[in-house]
């Protein structure tokens, strides 16, 4: 099978992985920054450099994501849902429910024992059901997304938000800041709002164990904890929750080519 690359070029982050004979040997993640073509080239180059490979050593490249059409190299396009479930199955074979929270939307997918999509549901276009609201709130609160978990743990009285609209949610957050509400309470309240919306989607799908959360938002341990309470299920998080789509793209592409 040799070396295969997988790319997932999203609106917020670009991801690349390198597989050797089906085994993950390298990966790289960076913010897309609105530059899809440049980011796609950079993450692939960095992932290759980590294992001392040249582009010529790759037999196949599989890809998915919003910016997939900007990839300069020859590649095989794979549907995002298939990539995410296949990538999760590679890392955690017992998982049957995948909660993937991307920058544009949230998706809940049921998988077969072989990692294929059995059923799925996607959030509406409102940013409240996606990771984008976290980026918006980070700017409002002048803090880093990496600090959300730590700050949420310090909350003593989570702020109450009365809307599910991202625009009005941002306005409410600005009002809370003006009122002197501690940022940790605002973040904890945001986590509860987002958890409530996504949990409702999961309940509609009738969750099956094991359950995993992927996407950059999965690094927000405060949100994961609230989701576990809402769902009554343990939620697993991969060590690097943003590369499942890229792994799936590489695996599916290599398997299709070999067969």
C-alpha atoms as a PDB file:
ATOM      1  CA  UNK A   1       0.000   0.000   0.000  1.00  0.00           C
ATOM      2  CA  UNK A   2       2.925   2.373   0.692  1.00  0.00           C
ATOM      3  CA  UNK A   3       2.344   5.968   1.804  1.00  0.00           C
ATOM      4  CA  UNK A   4      -1.034   7.686   1.600  1.00  0.00           C
ATOM      5  CA  UNK A   5      -1.910  11.247   2.608  1.00  0.00           C
ATOM      6  CA  UNK A   6      -5.253  12.421   3.909  1.00  0.00           C
ATOM      7  CA  UNK A   7      -6.342  16.065   3.932  1.00  0.00           C
ATOM      8  CA  UNK A   8      -9.289  17.765   5.611  1.00  0.00           C
ATOM      9  CA  UNK A   9      -9.363  21.416   4.601  1.00  0.00           C
ATOM     10  CA  UNK A  10     -11.925  23.110   6.819  1.00  0.00           C
ATOM     11  CA  UNK A  11     -13.003  26.727   7.177  1.00  0.00           C
ATOM     12  CA  UNK A  12     -11.211  27.101  10.523  1.00  0.00           C
ATOM     13  CA  UNK A  13      -8.441  24.483  10.451  1.00  0.00           C
ATOM     14  CA  UNK A  14      -6.586  22.474   7.827  1.00  0.00           C
ATOM     15  CA  UNK A  15      -5.407  18.974   8.700  1.00  0.00           C
ATOM     16  CA  UNK A  16      -3.080  16.473   7.035  1.00  0.00           C
ATOM     17  CA  UNK A  17      -2.107  12.912   7.947  1.00  0.00           C
ATOM     18  CA  UNK A  18       0.360  10.417   6.503  1.00  0.00           C
ATOM     19  CA  UNK A  19      -0.339   6.690   6.630  1.00  0.00           C
ATOM     20  CA  UNK A  20       2.259   4.008   5.943  1.00  0.00           C
ATOM     21  CA  UNK A  21       0.648   0.713   4.958  1.00  0.00           C
ATOM     22  CA  UNK A  22      -2.506   1.840   6.738  1.00  0.00           C
ATOM     23  CA  UNK A  23      -0.760   2.981   9.939  1.00  0.00           C
ATOM     24  CA  UNK A  24      -0.760   6.609  11.071  1.00  0.00           C
ATOM     25  CA  UNK A  25       2.827   7.906  11.123  1.00  0.00           C
ATOM     26  CA  UNK A  26       2.438  11.675  10.964  1.00  0.00           C
ATOM     27  CA  UNK A  27      -0.072  14.506  11.126  1.00  0.00           C
ATOM     28  CA  UNK A  28      -0.162  18.294  11.126  1.00  0.00           C
ATOM     29  CA  UNK A  29      -2.886  20.824  11.974  1.00  0.00           C
ATOM     30  CA  UNK A  30      -2.934  24.597  11.405  1.00  0.00           C
ATOM     31  CA  UNK A  31      -5.513  27.399  11.207  1.00  0.00           C
ATOM     32  CA  UNK A  32      -6.788  27.879   7.662  1.00  0.00           C
ATOM     33  CA  UNK A  33      -7.027  31.638   8.019  1.00  0.00           C
ATOM     34  CA  UNK A  34      -9.163  31.971   4.892  1.00  0.00           C
ATOM     35  CA  UNK A  35      -6.257  30.792   2.708  1.00  0.00           C
ATOM     36  CA  UNK A  36      -7.403  27.348   1.586  1.00  0.00           C
ATOM     37  CA  UNK A  37      -4.800  26.708  -1.117  1.00  0.00           C
ATOM     38  CA  UNK A  38      -1.851  27.885   0.979  1.00  0.00           C
ATOM     39  CA  UNK A  39      -3.017  25.980   4.065  1.00  0.00           C
ATOM     40  CA  UNK A  40      -3.557  22.764   2.104  1.00  0.00           C
ATOM     41  CA  UNK A  41      -0.012  22.933   0.722  1.00  0.00           C
ATOM     42  CA  UNK A  42       1.513  23.794   4.098  1.00  0.00           C
ATOM     43  CA  UNK A  43      -0.145  21.060   6.181  1.00  0.00           C
ATOM     44  CA  UNK A  44       0.769  18.408   3.624  1.00  0.00           C
ATOM     45  CA  UNK A  45       4.353  19.649   3.443  1.00  0.00           C
ATOM     46  CA  UNK A  46       4.700  19.740   7.236  1.00  0.00           C
ATOM     47  CA  UNK A  47       3.196  16.263   7.681  1.00  0.00           C
ATOM     48  CA  UNK A  48       5.621  14.878   5.075  1.00  0.00           C
ATOM     49  CA  UNK A  49       8.617  16.603   6.676  1.00  0.00           C
ATOM     50  CA  UNK A  50       7.830  15.050  10.038  1.00  0.00           C
ATOM     51  CA  UNK A  51       8.666  11.616   8.607  1.00  0.00           C
ATOM     52  CA  UNK A  52      11.295  12.765   6.119  1.00  0.00           C
ATOM     53  CA  UNK A  53       9.257  12.080   3.008  1.00  0.00           C
ATOM     54  CA  UNK A  54       8.972  13.869  -0.311  1.00  0.00           C
ATOM     55  CA  UNK A  55       5.697  14.353  -2.171  1.00  0.00           C
ATOM     56  CA  UNK A  56       6.891  11.847  -4.772  1.00  0.00           C
ATOM     57  CA  UNK A  57       6.768   9.067  -2.157  1.00  0.00           C
ATOM     58  CA  UNK A  58       2.979   9.335  -1.846  1.00  0.00           C
ATOM     59  CA  UNK A  59       0.955   6.779  -3.756  1.00  0.00           C
ATOM     60  CA  UNK A  60      -2.422   8.357  -3.066  1.00  0.00           C
ATOM     61  CA  UNK A  61      -3.963  11.500  -1.616  1.00  0.00           C
ATOM     62  CA  UNK A  62      -7.521  11.521  -0.283  1.00  0.00           C
ATOM     63  CA  UNK A  63      -9.292  14.683   0.809  1.00  0.00           C
ATOM     64  CA  UNK A  64     -12.459  16.209   2.208  1.00  0.00           C
ATOM     65  CA  UNK A  65     -13.597  19.536   3.643  1.00  0.00           C
ATOM     66  CA  UNK A  66     -14.959  22.898   2.562  1.00  0.00           C
ATOM     67  CA  UNK A  67     -11.710  23.914   0.857  1.00  0.00           C
ATOM     68  CA  UNK A  68     -11.051  20.655  -0.932  1.00  0.00           C
ATOM     69  CA  UNK A  69     -11.251  22.232  -4.402  1.00  0.00           C
ATOM     70  CA  UNK A  70      -8.243  24.437  -3.582  1.00  0.00           C
ATOM     71  CA  UNK A  71      -5.841  21.491  -3.197  1.00  0.00           C
ATOM     72  CA  UNK A  72      -3.118  21.793  -5.836  1.00  0.00           C
ATOM     73  CA  UNK A  73      -2.080  18.118  -5.973  1.00  0.00           C
ATOM     74  CA  UNK A  74      -4.015  15.309  -7.652  1.00  0.00           C
ATOM     75  CA  UNK A  75      -6.376  13.808  -5.095  1.00  0.00           C
ATOM     76  CA  UNK A  76      -9.459  11.677  -4.560  1.00  0.00           C
ATOM     77  CA  UNK A  77     -12.428  13.533  -3.069  1.00  0.00           C
ATOM     78  CA  UNK A  78     -14.316  11.665  -0.340  1.00  0.00           C
ATOM     79  CA  UNK A  79     -17.571  12.661   1.371  1.00  0.00           C
ATOM     80  CA  UNK A  80     -17.064  14.217   4.795  1.00  0.00           C
ATOM     81  CA  UNK A  81     -19.459  11.976   6.699  1.00  0.00           C
ATOM     82  CA  UNK A  82     -17.753   8.842   5.391  1.00  0.00           C
ATOM     83  CA  UNK A  83     -14.330  10.268   6.262  1.00  0.00           C
ATOM     84  CA  UNK A  84     -15.252  11.117   9.840  1.00  0.00           C
ATOM     85  CA  UNK A  85     -16.896   7.790  10.686  1.00  0.00           C
ATOM     86  CA  UNK A  86     -14.084   5.811   9.032  1.00  0.00           C
ATOM     87  CA  UNK A  87     -11.432   7.859  10.817  1.00  0.00           C
ATOM     88  CA  UNK A  88     -13.141   7.429  14.184  1.00  0.00           C
ATOM     89  CA  UNK A  89     -13.462   3.682  13.568  1.00  0.00           C
ATOM     90  CA  UNK A  90      -9.711   3.527  12.904  1.00  0.00           C
ATOM     91  CA  UNK A  91      -8.933   5.173  16.249  1.00  0.00           C
ATOM     92  CA  UNK A  92     -11.817   3.736  18.319  1.00  0.00           C
ATOM     93  CA  UNK A  93     -13.392   0.638  16.718  1.00  0.00           C
ATOM     94  CA  UNK A  94     -16.101   0.238  19.379  1.00  0.00           C
ATOM     95  CA  UNK A  95     -17.660   3.679  18.756  1.00  0.00           C
ATOM     96  CA  UNK A  96     -21.192   3.688  17.336  1.00  0.00           C
ATOM     97  CA  UNK A  97     -22.147   7.365  17.779  1.00  0.00           C
ATOM     98  CA  UNK A  98     -19.990  10.235  16.535  1.00  0.00           C
ATOM     99  CA  UNK A  99     -20.641  13.854  17.556  1.00  0.00           C
ATOM    100  CA  UNK A 100     -18.566  16.008  15.213  1.00  0.00           C
ATOM    101  CA  UNK A 101     -18.575  19.741  15.947  1.00  0.00           C
ATOM    102  CA  UNK A 102     -16.989  21.715  13.151  1.00  0.00           C
ATOM    103  CA  UNK A 103     -16.684  25.433  12.588  1.00  0.00           C
ATOM    104  CA  UNK A 104     -19.703  25.534  10.251  1.00  0.00           C
ATOM    105  CA  UNK A 105     -22.036  22.950  11.770  1.00  0.00           C
ATOM    106  CA  UNK A 106     -22.488  20.070  14.186  1.00  0.00           C
ATOM    107  CA  UNK A 107     -23.173  16.552  12.962  1.00  0.00           C
ATOM    108  CA  UNK A 108     -24.286  13.411  14.732  1.00  0.00           C
ATOM    109  CA  UNK A 109     -23.533  10.141  12.966  1.00  0.00           C
ATOM    110  CA  UNK A 110     -24.301   6.521  13.755  1.00  0.00           C
ATOM    111  CA  UNK A 111     -21.733   4.057  12.463  1.00  0.00           C
ATOM    112  CA  UNK A 112     -21.793   0.415  11.483  1.00  0.00           C
ATOM    113  CA  UNK A 113     -19.341  -2.077  13.055  1.00  0.00           C
ATOM    114  CA  UNK A 114     -17.136  -1.457   9.997  1.00  0.00           C
ATOM    115  CA  UNK A 115     -17.082   2.320  10.413  1.00  0.00           C
ATOM    116  CA  UNK A 116     -19.554   3.221   7.682  1.00  0.00           C
ATOM    117  CA  UNK A 117     -22.335   5.789   8.050  1.00  0.00           C
ATOM    118  CA  UNK A 118     -25.567   4.178   9.242  1.00  0.00           C
ATOM    119  CA  UNK A 119     -27.506   7.397   9.857  1.00  0.00           C
ATOM    120  CA  UNK A 120     -26.773  11.088  10.358  1.00  0.00           C
ATOM    121  CA  UNK A 121     -28.235  14.443  11.264  1.00  0.00           C
ATOM    122  CA  UNK A 122     -26.776  17.924  10.808  1.00  0.00           C
ATOM    123  CA  UNK A 123     -27.456  21.137  12.682  1.00  0.00           C
ATOM    124  CA  UNK A 124     -29.104  24.103  11.015  1.00  0.00           C
ATOM    125  CA  UNK A 125     -26.961  26.926   9.667  1.00  0.00           C
ATOM    126  CA  UNK A 126     -27.090  28.928  12.896  1.00  0.00           C
ATOM    127  CA  UNK A 127     -23.597  29.279  14.392  1.00  0.00           C
ATOM    128  CA  UNK A 128     -24.920  28.443  17.875  1.00  0.00           C
ATOM    129  CA  UNK A 129     -24.809  24.778  16.908  1.00  0.00           C
ATOM    130  CA  UNK A 130     -21.202  24.868  15.731  1.00  0.00           C
ATOM    131  CA  UNK A 131     -17.698  25.653  16.849  1.00  0.00           C
ATOM    132  CA  UNK A 132     -17.872  29.098  15.270  1.00  0.00           C
ATOM    133  CA  UNK A 133     -19.735  30.474  18.282  1.00  0.00           C
ATOM    134  CA  UNK A 134     -16.723  29.553  20.430  1.00  0.00           C
ATOM    135  CA  UNK A 135     -14.453  31.630  18.187  1.00  0.00           C
ATOM    136  CA  UNK A 136     -16.910  34.528  18.353  1.00  0.00           C
ATOM    137  CA  UNK A 137     -17.062  34.347  22.152  1.00  0.00           C
ATOM    138  CA  UNK A 138     -13.286  34.096  22.467  1.00  0.00           C
ATOM    139  CA  UNK A 139     -13.009  37.462  20.700  1.00  0.00           C
ATOM    140  CA  UNK A 140     -15.770  38.995  22.821  1.00  0.00           C
ATOM    141  CA  UNK A 141     -14.111  37.799  26.033  1.00  0.00           C
ATOM    142  CA  UNK A 142     -10.571  38.502  24.794  1.00  0.00           C
ATOM    143  CA  UNK A 143      -9.347  35.053  25.700  1.00  0.00           C
ATOM    144  CA  UNK A 144      -7.965  32.001  23.918  1.00  0.00           C
ATOM    145  CA  UNK A 145     -10.087  28.968  23.054  1.00  0.00           C
ATOM    146  CA  UNK A 146      -7.457  26.853  24.800  1.00  0.00           C
ATOM    147  CA  UNK A 147      -8.430  28.530  28.084  1.00  0.00           C
ATOM    148  CA  UNK A 148     -12.151  27.740  27.860  1.00  0.00           C
ATOM    149  CA  UNK A 149     -11.914  24.464  29.806  1.00  0.00           C
ATOM    150  CA  UNK A 150      -9.819  25.967  32.590  1.00  0.00           C
ATOM    151  CA  UNK A 151     -12.041  29.014  32.959  1.00  0.00           C
ATOM    152  CA  UNK A 152     -15.276  27.019  32.807  1.00  0.00           C
ATOM    153  CA  UNK A 153     -14.086  24.888  35.731  1.00  0.00           C
ATOM    154  CA  UNK A 154     -13.795  28.045  37.846  1.00  0.00           C
ATOM    155  CA  UNK A 155     -17.387  29.163  37.237  1.00  0.00           C
ATOM    156  CA  UNK A 156     -19.525  29.681  40.347  1.00  0.00           C
ATOM    157  CA  UNK A 157     -22.730  30.892  38.692  1.00  0.00           C
ATOM    158  CA  UNK A 158     -23.005  30.080  34.966  1.00  0.00           C
ATOM    159  CA  UNK A 159     -24.585  32.918  33.014  1.00  0.00           C
ATOM    160  CA  UNK A 160     -28.068  32.339  31.622  1.00  0.00           C
ATOM    161  CA  UNK A 161     -28.628  32.983  27.926  1.00  0.00           C
ATOM    162  CA  UNK A 162     -32.166  33.429  26.634  1.00  0.00           C
ATOM    163  CA  UNK A 163     -31.590  32.888  22.913  1.00  0.00           C
ATOM    164  CA  UNK A 164     -30.397  30.184  20.534  1.00  0.00           C
ATOM    165  CA  UNK A 165     -29.456  32.733  17.870  1.00  0.00           C
ATOM    166  CA  UNK A 166     -25.699  33.299  17.534  1.00  0.00           C
ATOM    167  CA  UNK A 167     -26.120  37.011  16.772  1.00  0.00           C
ATOM    168  CA  UNK A 168     -28.238  37.666  19.852  1.00  0.00           C
ATOM    169  CA  UNK A 169     -26.082  35.311  21.926  1.00  0.00           C
ATOM    170  CA  UNK A 170     -23.061  37.481  21.135  1.00  0.00           C
ATOM    171  CA  UNK A 171     -25.070  40.579  22.104  1.00  0.00           C
ATOM    172  CA  UNK A 172     -26.087  38.952  25.387  1.00  0.00           C
ATOM    173  CA  UNK A 173     -22.473  38.027  26.117  1.00  0.00           C
ATOM    174  CA  UNK A 174     -21.365  41.629  25.540  1.00  0.00           C
ATOM    175  CA  UNK A 175     -24.109  42.746  27.942  1.00  0.00           C
ATOM    176  CA  UNK A 176     -22.893  40.254  30.574  1.00  0.00           C
ATOM    177  CA  UNK A 177     -19.361  41.613  30.233  1.00  0.00           C
ATOM    178  CA  UNK A 178     -20.669  45.155  30.666  1.00  0.00           C
ATOM    179  CA  UNK A 179     -22.581  44.028  33.772  1.00  0.00           C
ATOM    180  CA  UNK A 180     -19.367  42.701  35.280  1.00  0.00           C
ATOM    181  CA  UNK A 181     -20.190  38.991  34.981  1.00  0.00           C
ATOM    182  CA  UNK A 182     -16.942  36.992  35.330  1.00  0.00           C
ATOM    183  CA  UNK A 183     -15.777  35.545  32.019  1.00  0.00           C
ATOM    184  CA  UNK A 184     -15.640  32.050  33.537  1.00  0.00           C
ATOM    185  CA  UNK A 185     -19.388  32.264  34.279  1.00  0.00           C
ATOM    186  CA  UNK A 186     -20.068  33.473  30.736  1.00  0.00           C
ATOM    187  CA  UNK A 187     -18.053  30.587  29.268  1.00  0.00           C
ATOM    188  CA  UNK A 188     -19.805  28.040  31.497  1.00  0.00           C
ATOM    189  CA  UNK A 189     -23.163  29.461  30.409  1.00  0.00           C
ATOM    190  CA  UNK A 190     -22.112  29.256  26.766  1.00  0.00           C
ATOM    191  CA  UNK A 191     -21.079  25.625  27.257  1.00  0.00           C
ATOM    192  CA  UNK A 192     -24.507  24.852  28.681  1.00  0.00           C
ATOM    193  CA  UNK A 193     -26.263  26.554  25.769  1.00  0.00           C
ATOM    194  CA  UNK A 194     -24.200  24.730  23.143  1.00  0.00           C
ATOM    195  CA  UNK A 195     -24.488  21.420  25.005  1.00  0.00           C
ATOM    196  CA  UNK A 196     -28.258  21.759  25.164  1.00  0.00           C
ATOM    197  CA  UNK A 197     -28.594  22.334  21.433  1.00  0.00           C
ATOM    198  CA  UNK A 198     -26.279  19.485  20.426  1.00  0.00           C
ATOM    199  CA  UNK A 199     -27.710  17.085  23.009  1.00  0.00           C
ATOM    200  CA  UNK A 200     -31.148  17.618  21.489  1.00  0.00           C
ATOM    201  CA  UNK A 201     -29.732  16.465  18.133  1.00  0.00           C
ATOM    202  CA  UNK A 202     -28.173  13.390  19.722  1.00  0.00           C
ATOM    203  CA  UNK A 203     -31.415  12.470  21.473  1.00  0.00           C
ATOM    204  CA  UNK A 204     -33.202  12.617  18.118  1.00  0.00           C
ATOM    205  CA  UNK A 205     -30.700  10.079  16.808  1.00  0.00           C
ATOM    206  CA  UNK A 206     -31.169   7.797  19.846  1.00  0.00           C
ATOM    207  CA  UNK A 207     -27.580   7.583  21.025  1.00  0.00           C
ATOM    208  CA  UNK A 208     -25.771   4.238  20.985  1.00  0.00           C
ATOM    209  CA  UNK A 209     -22.611   3.514  22.982  1.00  0.00           C
ATOM    210  CA  UNK A 210     -19.727   3.913  22.594  1.00  0.00           C
ATOM    211  CA  UNK A 211     -19.908   7.631  21.895  1.00  0.00           C
ATOM    212  CA  UNK A 212     -17.128   9.976  20.774  1.00  0.00           C
ATOM    213  CA  UNK A 213     -16.842  13.731  20.205  1.00  0.00           C
ATOM    214  CA  UNK A 214     -14.532  15.078  17.505  1.00  0.00           C
ATOM    215  CA  UNK A 215     -13.607  18.492  16.134  1.00  0.00           C
ATOM    216  CA  UNK A 216     -11.679  21.247  17.856  1.00  0.00           C
ATOM    217  CA  UNK A 217     -14.553  21.948  20.247  1.00  0.00           C
ATOM    218  CA  UNK A 218     -13.975  18.488  21.748  1.00  0.00           C
ATOM    219  CA  UNK A 219     -10.880  19.960  23.435  1.00  0.00           C
ATOM    220  CA  UNK A 220     -13.251  22.031  25.594  1.00  0.00           C
ATOM    221  CA  UNK A 221     -13.506  19.616  28.532  1.00  0.00           C
ATOM    222  CA  UNK A 222     -16.149  21.791  30.182  1.00  0.00           C
ATOM    223  CA  UNK A 223     -18.506  21.294  27.241  1.00  0.00           C
ATOM    224  CA  UNK A 224     -17.800  17.550  27.109  1.00  0.00           C
ATOM    225  CA  UNK A 225     -18.598  17.226  30.828  1.00  0.00           C
ATOM    226  CA  UNK A 226     -21.947  19.008  30.448  1.00  0.00           C
ATOM    227  CA  UNK A 227     -22.776  16.893  27.390  1.00  0.00           C
ATOM    228  CA  UNK A 228     -22.141  13.721  29.389  1.00  0.00           C
ATOM    229  CA  UNK A 229     -24.609  14.862  32.036  1.00  0.00           C
ATOM    230  CA  UNK A 230     -27.189  15.857  29.416  1.00  0.00           C
ATOM    231  CA  UNK A 231     -26.935  12.531  27.598  1.00  0.00           C
ATOM    232  CA  UNK A 232     -26.290  10.193  30.497  1.00  0.00           C
ATOM    233  CA  UNK A 233     -23.415   8.626  28.545  1.00  0.00           C
ATOM    234  CA  UNK A 234     -19.644   8.701  28.734  1.00  0.00           C
ATOM    235  CA  UNK A 235     -18.175  10.662  25.812  1.00  0.00           C
ATOM    236  CA  UNK A 236     -14.738   9.680  24.564  1.00  0.00           C
ATOM    237  CA  UNK A 237     -12.395  12.209  22.961  1.00  0.00           C
ATOM    238  CA  UNK A 238      -9.451  11.187  20.730  1.00  0.00           C
ATOM    239  CA  UNK A 239      -6.004  12.490  21.675  1.00  0.00           C
ATOM    240  CA  UNK A 240      -6.178  14.690  18.555  1.00  0.00           C
ATOM    241  CA  UNK A 241      -9.896  15.138  17.774  1.00  0.00           C
ATOM    242  CA  UNK A 242      -9.387  17.225  14.631  1.00  0.00           C
ATOM    243  CA  UNK A 243      -7.719  14.643  12.370  1.00  0.00           C
ATOM    244  CA  UNK A 244     -10.412  11.958  12.078  1.00  0.00           C
ATOM    245  CA  UNK A 245     -11.663  13.314   8.744  1.00  0.00           C
ATOM    246  CA  UNK A 246      -8.168  13.331   7.253  1.00  0.00           C
ATOM    247  CA  UNK A 247      -7.515   9.777   8.490  1.00  0.00           C
ATOM    248  CA  UNK A 248     -10.750   8.583   6.934  1.00  0.00           C
ATOM    249  CA  UNK A 249      -9.964  10.293   3.623  1.00  0.00           C
ATOM    250  CA  UNK A 250      -6.596   8.546   3.466  1.00  0.00           C
ATOM    251  CA  UNK A 251      -7.967   5.125   4.414  1.00  0.00           C
ATOM    252  CA  UNK A 252     -10.931   5.209   2.049  1.00  0.00           C
ATOM    253  CA  UNK A 253      -8.800   6.433  -0.844  1.00  0.00           C
ATOM    254  CA  UNK A 254      -6.108   3.786  -0.353  1.00  0.00           C
ATOM    255  CA  UNK A 255      -8.626   0.976   0.048  1.00  0.00           C
ATOM    256  CA  UNK A 256     -10.558   2.063  -3.047  1.00  0.00           C
ATOM    257  CA  UNK A 257      -7.367   2.245  -5.121  1.00  0.00           C
ATOM    258  CA  UNK A 258      -6.028  -1.098  -3.912  1.00  0.00           C
ATOM    259  CA  UNK A 259      -9.328  -2.862  -4.544  1.00  0.00           C
END
